[in-house]
Amino acid sequence: MIKIALLDDHAILRDGIKHLLNSEADLHVCAECDRPSQLEPLLERHHPDLLIIDLNMPEGGGFPLLQRIRPGYPELLVIVLSMHENPGFVSKALSFGVNAYITKTRAAEELVLAIRTVVNGNRYLSSDIARGMQRPDIRLSPREHDVLRGLLQGKNPKTIAAELGITDKTLYAHRTHIMQKTQARTHSELQEYALSLGLI
């Protein structure tokens, strides 16, 4: 049985989700709350396997909450259920370690599938989000992938070059090619690209 907790400040939505999920034999909504301040006591008491959360919440919203609970619950699967479809907002959510992002308009059709996908160790984006984040077919070489990961880990170029056994000049050439191929102009755009491909 997969134990699920809900955090959303709309009771009607929570009721709909509970009805949808509890109709599945292996899914059970074990707890719910409508404010971020209620979540941590709920997690301690019920030990759910998965949390479904809306990020547009009172008391500062969902991002600070995710940042606060992640260290104490590293194994907790998190699915964001949101009205926002903006790729930047989605990428930010993924960078906070969420396992799936579903728009509320697709919840009835895709939420159960998303749960089963993340329980099996994979990331899930609802179909409308996935379409919005599609990029042209970009092929990075294995070495460019290594350089990209180093950059996204916050390492300075000299450190990356030393770790990969290449010269600084070669490292900067790889970085230039990566920026050209991905059409990224800033580090945040490069991070968004990497998130959309599941590289980080």
Protein backbone atom coordinates (compact mmCIF):
# COMPACT_ATOMS: atom_id res chain seq x y z
CA MET A 1 0.00 0.00 0.00
CA ILE A 2 1.33 3.42 -1.01
CA LYS A 3 0.58 5.98 1.71
CA ILE A 4 -0.08 9.49 0.41
CA ALA A 5 -0.33 12.87 2.13
CA LEU A 6 -2.03 15.92 0.61
CA LEU A 7 -1.22 19.59 1.13
CA ASP A 8 -3.56 22.01 -0.63
CA ASP A 9 -5.57 24.92 0.70
CA HIS A 10 -8.66 24.02 -1.39
CA ALA A 11 -10.85 21.44 0.34
CA ILE A 12 -12.80 20.65 -2.83
CA LEU A 13 -9.60 19.73 -4.66
CA ARG A 14 -8.39 17.56 -1.78
CA ASP A 15 -11.72 15.74 -1.71
CA GLY A 16 -11.49 15.07 -5.44
CA ILE A 17 -7.95 13.75 -5.17
CA LYS A 18 -8.87 11.51 -2.23
CA HIS A 19 -11.79 10.04 -4.16
CA LEU A 20 -9.58 9.44 -7.20
CA LEU A 21 -6.70 7.84 -5.32
CA ASN A 22 -8.62 5.83 -2.73
CA SER A 23 -10.47 4.10 -5.58
CA GLU A 24 -7.15 2.42 -6.46
CA ALA A 25 -6.53 -0.77 -4.50
CA ASP A 26 -2.87 0.02 -3.70
CA LEU A 27 -3.19 3.76 -2.99
CA HIS A 28 -4.34 5.31 0.27
CA VAL A 29 -4.56 8.97 1.30
CA CYS A 30 -3.47 8.68 4.91
CA ALA A 31 -3.40 12.40 5.84
CA GLU A 32 -4.17 15.88 4.57
CA CYS A 33 -3.68 19.48 5.58
CA ASP A 34 -4.33 22.94 4.20
CA ARG A 35 -1.37 24.95 5.52
CA PRO A 36 2.42 24.42 5.33
CA SER A 37 2.77 24.78 9.11
CA GLN A 38 0.64 21.65 9.54
CA LEU A 39 2.75 19.44 7.30
CA GLU A 40 5.75 18.48 9.41
CA PRO A 41 3.71 17.16 12.39
CA LEU A 42 1.62 15.25 9.86
CA LEU A 43 4.72 13.66 8.29
CA GLU A 44 6.05 12.65 11.70
CA ARG A 45 2.76 11.07 12.67
CA HIS A 46 1.79 9.24 9.47
CA HIS A 47 5.09 8.59 7.65
CA PRO A 48 3.65 8.78 4.12
CA ASP A 49 5.54 7.45 1.12
CA LEU A 50 4.47 10.31 -1.11
CA LEU A 51 3.40 13.93 -0.75
CA ILE A 52 1.16 15.78 -3.21
CA ILE A 53 1.60 19.53 -2.79
CA ASP A 54 0.46 22.79 -4.35
CA LEU A 55 3.24 25.39 -4.37
CA ASN A 56 0.87 28.38 -4.23
CA MET A 57 0.25 28.26 -0.52
CA PRO A 58 -0.16 30.68 2.38
CA GLU A 59 2.65 31.12 4.92
CA GLY A 60 5.33 31.79 2.32
CA GLY A 61 4.45 29.18 -0.28
CA GLY A 62 5.68 25.71 -1.11
CA PHE A 63 9.32 26.31 -2.10
CA PRO A 64 10.58 27.24 1.39
CA LEU A 65 8.61 24.31 2.76
CA LEU A 66 10.25 21.84 0.38
CA GLN A 67 13.67 23.23 1.26
CA ARG A 68 12.89 22.81 4.96
CA ILE A 69 11.54 19.25 4.89
CA ARG A 70 13.92 17.65 2.37
CA PRO A 71 16.84 17.06 4.81
CA GLY A 72 14.59 15.26 7.29
CA TYR A 73 12.67 13.24 4.68
CA PRO A 74 15.09 12.47 1.83
CA GLU A 75 13.13 9.39 0.72
CA LEU A 76 9.76 11.16 0.57
CA LEU A 77 8.45 11.29 -2.99
CA VAL A 78 6.96 14.67 -3.91
CA ILE A 79 4.44 15.43 -6.64
CA VAL A 80 3.60 19.06 -7.37
CA LEU A 81 0.03 19.71 -8.45
CA SER A 82 -0.16 23.25 -9.78
CA MET A 83 -2.01 25.60 -12.09
CA HIS A 84 1.31 27.02 -13.34
CA GLU A 85 2.60 25.80 -16.71
CA ASN A 86 5.54 28.22 -17.07
CA PRO A 87 8.72 26.22 -17.87
CA GLY A 88 10.78 28.40 -15.53
CA PHE A 89 8.43 27.67 -12.63
CA VAL A 90 8.50 23.95 -13.47
CA SER A 91 12.29 23.94 -13.64
CA LYS A 92 12.52 25.67 -10.28
CA ALA A 93 10.26 23.01 -8.76
CA LEU A 94 12.40 20.23 -10.24
CA SER A 95 15.52 21.88 -8.84
CA PHE A 96 13.95 21.55 -5.37
CA GLY A 97 13.90 17.78 -5.80
CA VAL A 98 10.28 17.12 -6.74
CA ASN A 99 9.67 13.84 -8.54
CA ALA A 100 6.70 14.86 -10.67
CA TYR A 101 4.94 18.01 -11.81
CA ILE A 102 1.29 17.82 -12.84
CA THR A 103 -0.99 20.66 -13.87
CA LYS A 104 -4.37 20.68 -12.16
CA THR A 105 -6.10 20.46 -15.53
CA ARG A 106 -4.42 17.07 -16.13
CA ALA A 107 -4.73 15.67 -12.60
CA ALA A 108 -7.79 13.49 -13.22
CA GLU A 109 -6.17 11.82 -16.24
CA GLU A 110 -2.52 11.62 -15.18
CA LEU A 111 -2.10 11.74 -11.40
CA VAL A 112 -2.36 7.98 -10.83
CA LEU A 113 0.08 7.34 -13.66
CA ALA A 114 2.46 9.93 -12.19
CA ILE A 115 2.33 8.21 -8.79
CA ARG A 116 3.13 4.82 -10.26
CA THR A 117 5.93 6.34 -12.35
CA VAL A 118 7.71 8.03 -9.43
CA VAL A 119 7.26 5.01 -7.15
CA ASN A 120 9.18 3.06 -9.80
CA GLY A 121 12.03 5.55 -9.57
CA ASN A 122 11.31 7.76 -12.57
CA ARG A 123 10.42 11.43 -13.00
CA TYR A 124 7.06 12.44 -14.48
CA LEU A 125 5.82 15.61 -16.16
CA SER A 126 2.19 15.93 -17.22
CA SER A 127 1.69 15.87 -20.98
CA ASP A 128 0.99 19.60 -21.30
CA ILE A 129 4.13 20.45 -19.32
CA ALA A 130 6.28 18.02 -21.29
CA ARG A 131 5.18 19.61 -24.56
CA GLY A 132 6.00 23.08 -23.27
CA MET A 133 9.51 22.03 -22.22
CA GLN A 134 10.44 20.21 -25.42
CA ARG A 135 13.61 21.43 -27.07
CA PRO A 136 15.19 20.71 -30.44
CA ASP A 137 17.24 17.53 -30.71
CA ILE A 138 20.52 18.65 -29.17
CA ARG A 139 23.45 16.26 -29.17
CA LEU A 140 26.19 16.87 -26.64
CA SER A 141 29.34 14.80 -26.80
CA PRO A 142 30.24 12.66 -23.75
CA ARG A 143 32.95 15.18 -22.87
CA GLU A 144 30.49 18.07 -23.17
CA HIS A 145 28.16 16.21 -20.79
CA ASP A 146 31.03 15.92 -18.31
CA VAL A 147 31.78 19.63 -18.59
CA LEU A 148 28.08 20.52 -18.24
CA ARG A 149 27.71 18.48 -15.06
CA GLY A 150 30.78 20.12 -13.59
CA LEU A 151 29.47 23.59 -14.37
CA LEU A 152 26.07 22.80 -12.87
CA GLN A 153 27.74 21.49 -9.72
CA GLY A 154 29.23 24.96 -9.26
CA LYS A 155 32.83 23.95 -9.92
CA ASN A 156 35.16 26.54 -11.40
CA PRO A 157 36.51 25.85 -14.91
CA LYS A 158 40.08 25.18 -13.75
CA THR A 159 38.87 22.50 -11.34
CA ILE A 160 36.74 20.84 -14.04
CA ALA A 161 39.65 20.91 -16.50
CA ALA A 162 41.98 19.31 -13.94
CA GLU A 163 39.44 16.59 -13.07
CA LEU A 164 38.88 15.76 -16.76
CA GLY A 165 42.57 15.92 -17.65
CA ILE A 166 42.15 18.61 -20.29
CA THR A 167 43.62 22.07 -20.73
CA ASP A 168 41.82 25.22 -19.67
CA LYS A 169 41.60 26.24 -23.33
CA THR A 170 39.87 22.97 -24.25
CA LEU A 171 37.49 23.35 -21.30
CA TYR A 172 36.46 26.84 -22.42
CA ALA A 173 35.96 25.57 -25.98
CA HIS A 174 33.63 22.84 -24.68
CA ARG A 175 31.72 25.39 -22.63
CA THR A 176 31.29 27.64 -25.67
CA HIS A 177 30.00 24.71 -27.76
CA ILE A 178 27.54 23.76 -25.01
CA MET A 179 26.15 27.28 -24.82
CA GLN A 180 25.83 27.43 -28.61
CA LYS A 181 24.12 24.05 -28.92
CA THR A 182 21.64 24.66 -26.11
CA GLN A 183 21.13 28.33 -27.04
CA ALA A 184 21.49 29.12 -23.35
CA ARG A 185 22.59 32.68 -22.59
CA THR A 186 22.86 32.39 -18.82
CA HIS A 187 23.71 29.79 -16.18
CA SER A 188 20.03 29.57 -15.16
CA GLU A 189 18.98 28.83 -18.75
CA LEU A 190 21.65 26.14 -18.92
CA GLN A 191 20.31 24.66 -15.68
CA GLU A 192 16.76 24.71 -17.06
CA TYR A 193 17.96 22.80 -20.14
CA ALA A 194 19.73 20.20 -18.01
CA LEU A 195 16.68 19.75 -15.79
CA SER A 196 14.40 19.24 -18.79
CA LEU A 197 16.64 16.35 -19.89
CA GLY A 198 16.96 14.89 -16.40
CA LEU A 199 20.72 15.52 -16.35
CA ILE A 200 20.55 16.95 -12.80
